[in-house]
Amino acid sequence: MYQNKPYFMTNPKWYYYDPSDGEKGYKLTPEAPLEAQKSYDEFYAEHSYTDENGNKWVCD
C-alpha cells in the first residue's frame, strides 16, 4: 500500500480518472513516460487480485 502518491500521479499530465471504468479508474495519457507506466502497472498489481474463477478484482 502506498503512503505517498505513486510516481505516475506526480504529474497531472500523465494520468486522468475515468469513473465509468469499473476495473481501473485511473488511466495514463500518451504523455506518461516509461517510468510512470511502470509505476502505474505496479500500483494496479498491488491493488488487484484474481480469484479462483479467474475474475480480476481491483481494491480501492
PDB file of N, CA and C in Angstrom:
ATOM      1  N   MET A   1       0.839  -1.183   0.000  1.00  0.00           N
ATOM      2  CA  MET A   1       0.000   0.000   0.000  1.00  0.00           C
ATOM      3  C   MET A   1       0.880   1.241   0.000  1.00  0.00           C
ATOM      4  N   TYR A   2       0.470   2.242  -0.767  1.00  0.00           N
ATOM      5  CA  TYR A   2       1.250   3.464  -0.873  1.00  0.00           C
ATOM      6  C   TYR A   2       0.927   4.417   0.265  1.00  0.00           C
ATOM      7  N   GLN A   3       1.973   4.973   0.863  1.00  0.00           N
ATOM      8  CA  GLN A   3       1.778   6.025   1.845  1.00  0.00           C
ATOM      9  C   GLN A   3       1.843   7.382   1.150  1.00  0.00           C
ATOM     10  N   ASN A   4       2.571   7.434   0.062  1.00  0.00           N
ATOM     11  CA  ASN A   4       2.670   8.629  -0.762  1.00  0.00           C
ATOM     12  C   ASN A   4       2.067   8.314  -2.121  1.00  0.00           C
ATOM     13  N   LYS A   5       1.924   9.331  -2.943  1.00  0.00           N
ATOM     14  CA  LYS A   5       1.404   9.113  -4.284  1.00  0.00           C
ATOM     15  C   LYS A   5       2.360   8.229  -5.081  1.00  0.00           C
ATOM     16  N   PRO A   6       1.817   7.331  -5.892  1.00  0.00           N
ATOM     17  CA  PRO A   6       2.687   6.590  -6.800  1.00  0.00           C
ATOM     18  C   PRO A   6       3.290   7.559  -7.823  1.00  0.00           C
ATOM     19  N   TYR A   7       4.415   7.183  -8.388  1.00  0.00           N
ATOM     20  CA  TYR A   7       5.148   8.074  -9.286  1.00  0.00           C
ATOM     21  C   TYR A   7       4.273   8.602 -10.423  1.00  0.00           C
ATOM     22  N   PHE A   8       3.433   7.751 -11.014  1.00  0.00           N
ATOM     23  CA  PHE A   8       2.642   8.215 -12.156  1.00  0.00           C
ATOM     24  C   PHE A   8       1.681   9.338 -11.783  1.00  0.00           C
ATOM     25  N   MET A   9       1.364   9.485 -10.500  1.00  0.00           N
ATOM     26  CA  MET A   9       0.468  10.559 -10.054  1.00  0.00           C
ATOM     27  C   MET A   9       1.198  11.850  -9.692  1.00  0.00           C
ATOM     28  N   THR A  10       2.498  11.880  -9.860  1.00  0.00           N
ATOM     29  CA  THR A  10       3.246  13.085  -9.510  1.00  0.00           C
ATOM     30  C   THR A  10       3.135  14.175 -10.574  1.00  0.00           C
ATOM     31  N   ASN A  11       2.633  13.820 -11.741  1.00  0.00           N
ATOM     32  CA  ASN A  11       2.452  14.806 -12.795  1.00  0.00           C
ATOM     33  C   ASN A  11       1.037  14.656 -13.359  1.00  0.00           C
ATOM     34  N   PRO A  12       0.162  15.636 -13.178  1.00  0.00           N
ATOM     35  CA  PRO A  12      -1.219  15.534 -13.641  1.00  0.00           C
ATOM     36  C   PRO A  12      -1.355  15.355 -15.155  1.00  0.00           C
ATOM     37  N   LYS A  13      -0.307  15.659 -15.908  1.00  0.00           N
ATOM     38  CA  LYS A  13      -0.356  15.476 -17.362  1.00  0.00           C
ATOM     39  C   LYS A  13      -0.224  14.006 -17.754  1.00  0.00           C
ATOM     40  N   TRP A  14       0.139  13.153 -16.810  1.00  0.00           N
ATOM     41  CA  TRP A  14       0.376  11.746 -17.115  1.00  0.00           C
ATOM     42  C   TRP A  14      -0.831  10.853 -16.878  1.00  0.00           C
ATOM     43  N   TYR A  15      -1.846  11.332 -16.169  1.00  0.00           N
ATOM     44  CA  TYR A  15      -2.973  10.463 -15.848  1.00  0.00           C
ATOM     45  C   TYR A  15      -4.272  11.260 -15.745  1.00  0.00           C
ATOM     46  N   TYR A  16      -5.369  10.534 -15.779  1.00  0.00           N
ATOM     47  CA  TYR A  16      -6.692  11.107 -15.545  1.00  0.00           C
ATOM     48  C   TYR A  16      -7.545  10.027 -14.894  1.00  0.00           C
ATOM     49  N   TYR A  17      -8.673  10.419 -14.365  1.00  0.00           N
ATOM     50  CA  TYR A  17      -9.570   9.473 -13.703  1.00  0.00           C
ATOM     51  C   TYR A  17     -10.800   9.258 -14.569  1.00  0.00           C
ATOM     52  N   ASP A  18     -11.146   8.003 -14.810  1.00  0.00           N
ATOM     53  CA  ASP A  18     -12.316   7.651 -15.610  1.00  0.00           C
ATOM     54  C   ASP A  18     -13.299   6.905 -14.717  1.00  0.00           C
ATOM     55  N   PRO A  19     -14.315   7.598 -14.179  1.00  0.00           N
ATOM     56  CA  PRO A  19     -15.249   6.957 -13.250  1.00  0.00           C
ATOM     57  C   PRO A  19     -16.119   5.886 -13.903  1.00  0.00           C
ATOM     58  N   SER A  20     -16.191   5.853 -15.230  1.00  0.00           N
ATOM     59  CA  SER A  20     -17.022   4.860 -15.908  1.00  0.00           C
ATOM     60  C   SER A  20     -16.331   3.502 -16.035  1.00  0.00           C
ATOM     61  N   ASP A  21     -15.037   3.448 -15.750  1.00  0.00           N
ATOM     62  CA  ASP A  21     -14.307   2.183 -15.846  1.00  0.00           C
ATOM     63  C   ASP A  21     -14.313   1.505 -14.488  1.00  0.00           C
ATOM     64  N   GLY A  22     -15.031   0.422 -14.365  1.00  0.00           N
ATOM     65  CA  GLY A  22     -15.138  -0.275 -13.092  1.00  0.00           C
ATOM     66  C   GLY A  22     -13.902  -1.041 -12.698  1.00  0.00           C
ATOM     67  N   GLU A  23     -13.032  -1.359 -13.664  1.00  0.00           N
ATOM     68  CA  GLU A  23     -11.840  -2.142 -13.343  1.00  0.00           C
ATOM     69  C   GLU A  23     -10.688  -1.265 -12.879  1.00  0.00           C
ATOM     70  N   LYS A  24     -10.380  -0.246 -13.648  1.00  0.00           N
ATOM     71  CA  LYS A  24      -9.293   0.677 -13.305  1.00  0.00           C
ATOM     72  C   LYS A  24      -9.796   2.093 -13.510  1.00  0.00           C
ATOM     73  N   GLY A  25      -9.884   2.847 -12.436  1.00  0.00           N
ATOM     74  CA  GLY A  25     -10.361   4.216 -12.553  1.00  0.00           C
ATOM     75  C   GLY A  25      -9.330   5.154 -13.153  1.00  0.00           C
ATOM     76  N   TYR A  26      -8.070   4.957 -12.796  1.00  0.00           N
ATOM     77  CA  TYR A  26      -7.018   5.815 -13.316  1.00  0.00           C
ATOM     78  C   TYR A  26      -6.544   5.296 -14.655  1.00  0.00           C
ATOM     79  N   LYS A  27      -6.291   6.211 -15.570  1.00  0.00           N
ATOM     80  CA  LYS A  27      -5.784   5.907 -16.902  1.00  0.00           C
ATOM     81  C   LYS A  27      -4.565   6.776 -17.165  1.00  0.00           C
ATOM     82  N   LEU A  28      -3.639   6.258 -17.942  1.00  0.00           N
ATOM     83  CA  LEU A  28      -2.469   7.037 -18.325  1.00  0.00           C
ATOM     84  C   LEU A  28      -2.734   7.768 -19.635  1.00  0.00           C
ATOM     85  N   THR A  29      -2.123   8.928 -19.763  1.00  0.00           N
ATOM     86  CA  THR A  29      -2.189   9.677 -21.012  1.00  0.00           C
ATOM     87  C   THR A  29      -0.998   9.266 -21.883  1.00  0.00           C
ATOM     88  N   PRO A  30      -1.032   9.599 -23.150  1.00  0.00           N
ATOM     89  CA  PRO A  30       0.112   9.299 -24.020  1.00  0.00           C
ATOM     90  C   PRO A  30       1.401  10.010 -23.593  1.00  0.00           C
ATOM     91  N   GLU A  31       1.274  11.031 -22.771  1.00  0.00           N
ATOM     92  CA  GLU A  31       2.449  11.785 -22.311  1.00  0.00           C
ATOM     93  C   GLU A  31       3.219  11.082 -21.195  1.00  0.00           C
ATOM     94  N   ALA A  32       2.664  10.039 -20.616  1.00  0.00           N
ATOM     95  CA  ALA A  32       3.313   9.359 -19.488  1.00  0.00           C
ATOM     96  C   ALA A  32       4.595   8.662 -19.953  1.00  0.00           C
ATOM     97  N   PRO A  33       5.722   8.959 -19.314  1.00  0.00           N
ATOM     98  CA  PRO A  33       6.981   8.307 -19.695  1.00  0.00           C
ATOM     99  C   PRO A  33       7.010   6.856 -19.197  1.00  0.00           C
ATOM    100  N   LEU A  34       8.009   6.128 -19.617  1.00  0.00           N
ATOM    101  CA  LEU A  34       8.133   4.716 -19.275  1.00  0.00           C
ATOM    102  C   LEU A  34       8.142   4.495 -17.764  1.00  0.00           C
ATOM    103  N   GLU A  35       8.831   5.330 -17.017  1.00  0.00           N
ATOM    104  CA  GLU A  35       8.882   5.181 -15.560  1.00  0.00           C
ATOM    105  C   GLU A  35       7.491   5.324 -14.943  1.00  0.00           C
ATOM    106  N   ALA A  36       6.685   6.238 -15.475  1.00  0.00           N
ATOM    107  CA  ALA A  36       5.310   6.410 -14.993  1.00  0.00           C
ATOM    108  C   ALA A  36       4.462   5.192 -15.358  1.00  0.00           C
ATOM    109  N   GLN A  37       4.691   4.616 -16.530  1.00  0.00           N
ATOM    110  CA  GLN A  37       3.966   3.419 -16.944  1.00  0.00           C
ATOM    111  C   GLN A  37       4.276   2.246 -16.020  1.00  0.00           C
ATOM    112  N   LYS A  38       5.529   2.114 -15.648  1.00  0.00           N
ATOM    113  CA  LYS A  38       5.917   1.045 -14.717  1.00  0.00           C
ATOM    114  C   LYS A  38       5.264   1.264 -13.348  1.00  0.00           C
ATOM    115  N   SER A  39       5.237   2.501 -12.892  1.00  0.00           N
ATOM    116  CA  SER A  39       4.614   2.833 -11.617  1.00  0.00           C
ATOM    117  C   SER A  39       3.123   2.508 -11.653  1.00  0.00           C
ATOM    118  N   TYR A  40       2.483   2.809 -12.753  1.00  0.00           N
ATOM    119  CA  TYR A  40       1.052   2.525 -12.941  1.00  0.00           C
ATOM    120  C   TYR A  40       0.802   1.014 -12.855  1.00  0.00           C
ATOM    121  N   ASP A  41       1.616   0.249 -13.554  1.00  0.00           N
ATOM    122  CA  ASP A  41       1.471  -1.212 -13.529  1.00  0.00           C
ATOM    123  C   ASP A  41       1.668  -1.762 -12.120  1.00  0.00           C
ATOM    124  N   GLU A  42       2.659  -1.254 -11.406  1.00  0.00           N
ATOM    125  CA  GLU A  42       2.904  -1.692 -10.029  1.00  0.00           C
ATOM    126  C   GLU A  42       1.743  -1.308  -9.116  1.00  0.00           C
ATOM    127  N   PHE A  43       1.207  -0.123  -9.302  1.00  0.00           N
ATOM    128  CA  PHE A  43       0.080   0.353  -8.495  1.00  0.00           C
ATOM    129  C   PHE A  43      -1.103  -0.601  -8.621  1.00  0.00           C
ATOM    130  N   TYR A  44      -1.460  -0.959  -9.840  1.00  0.00           N
ATOM    131  CA  TYR A  44      -2.609  -1.844 -10.020  1.00  0.00           C
ATOM    132  C   TYR A  44      -2.281  -3.295  -9.697  1.00  0.00           C
ATOM    133  N   ALA A  45      -1.043  -3.700  -9.804  1.00  0.00           N
ATOM    134  CA  ALA A  45      -0.675  -5.062  -9.412  1.00  0.00           C
ATOM    135  C   ALA A  45      -0.840  -5.239  -7.902  1.00  0.00           C
ATOM    136  N   GLU A  46      -0.526  -4.204  -7.133  1.00  0.00           N
ATOM    137  CA  GLU A  46      -0.630  -4.265  -5.682  1.00  0.00           C
ATOM    138  C   GLU A  46      -2.065  -4.116  -5.199  1.00  0.00           C
ATOM    139  N   HIS A  47      -2.942  -3.593  -6.031  1.00  0.00           N
ATOM    140  CA  HIS A  47      -4.313  -3.318  -5.628  1.00  0.00           C
ATOM    141  C   HIS A  47      -5.325  -4.216  -6.337  1.00  0.00           C
ATOM    142  N   SER A  48      -4.860  -5.348  -6.849  1.00  0.00           N
ATOM    143  CA  SER A  48      -5.787  -6.234  -7.539  1.00  0.00           C
ATOM    144  C   SER A  48      -5.433  -7.687  -7.244  1.00  0.00           C
ATOM    145  N   TYR A  49      -6.381  -8.549  -7.489  1.00  0.00           N
ATOM    146  CA  TYR A  49      -6.135  -9.974  -7.357  1.00  0.00           C
ATOM    147  C   TYR A  49      -7.093 -10.720  -8.270  1.00  0.00           C
ATOM    148  N   THR A  50      -6.759 -11.951  -8.567  1.00  0.00           N
ATOM    149  CA  THR A  50      -7.605 -12.801  -9.389  1.00  0.00           C
ATOM    150  C   THR A  50      -8.104 -13.946  -8.520  1.00  0.00           C
ATOM    151  N   ASP A  51      -9.419 -14.163  -8.512  1.00  0.00           N
ATOM    152  CA  ASP A  51      -9.981 -15.223  -7.685  1.00  0.00           C
ATOM    153  C   ASP A  51      -9.864 -16.585  -8.371  1.00  0.00           C
ATOM    154  N   GLU A  52     -10.351 -17.620  -7.701  1.00  0.00           N
ATOM    155  CA  GLU A  52     -10.214 -18.985  -8.200  1.00  0.00           C
ATOM    156  C   GLU A  52     -10.982 -19.231  -9.505  1.00  0.00           C
ATOM    157  N   ASN A  53     -11.912 -18.343  -9.841  1.00  0.00           N
ATOM    158  CA  ASN A  53     -12.674 -18.465 -11.077  1.00  0.00           C
ATOM    159  C   ASN A  53     -12.083 -17.647 -12.233  1.00  0.00           C
ATOM    160  N   GLY A  54     -10.962 -16.993 -11.971  1.00  0.00           N
ATOM    161  CA  GLY A  54     -10.309 -16.187 -12.991  1.00  0.00           C
ATOM    162  C   GLY A  54     -10.837 -14.769 -13.090  1.00  0.00           C
ATOM    163  N   ASN A  55     -11.684 -14.363 -12.141  1.00  0.00           N
ATOM    164  CA  ASN A  55     -12.196 -12.999 -12.127  1.00  0.00           C
ATOM    165  C   ASN A  55     -11.182 -12.064 -11.505  1.00  0.00           C
ATOM    166  N   LYS A  56     -10.918 -10.958 -12.174  1.00  0.00           N
ATOM    167  CA  LYS A  56      -9.967  -9.985 -11.644  1.00  0.00           C
ATOM    168  C   LYS A  56     -10.707  -8.940 -10.834  1.00  0.00           C
ATOM    169  N   TRP A  57     -10.201  -8.653  -9.636  1.00  0.00           N
ATOM    170  CA  TRP A  57     -10.803  -7.664  -8.728  1.00  0.00           C
ATOM    171  C   TRP A  57      -9.788  -6.587  -8.414  1.00  0.00           C
ATOM    172  N   VAL A  58     -10.231  -5.356  -8.420  1.00  0.00           N
ATOM    173  CA  VAL A  58      -9.376  -4.215  -8.069  1.00  0.00           C
ATOM    174  C   VAL A  58      -9.900  -3.645  -6.775  1.00  0.00           C
ATOM    175  N   CYS A  59      -9.002  -3.495  -5.810  1.00  0.00           N
ATOM    176  CA  CYS A  59      -9.372  -2.975  -4.490  1.00  0.00           C
ATOM    177  C   CYS A  59      -9.084  -1.491  -4.430  1.00  0.00           C
ATOM    178  N   ASP A  60      -9.948  -0.753  -3.785  1.00  0.00           N
ATOM    179  CA  ASP A  60      -9.738   0.690  -3.600  1.00  0.00           C
ATOM    180  C   ASP A  60      -8.829   0.939  -2.434  1.00  0.00           C
TER     181      ASP A  60
END
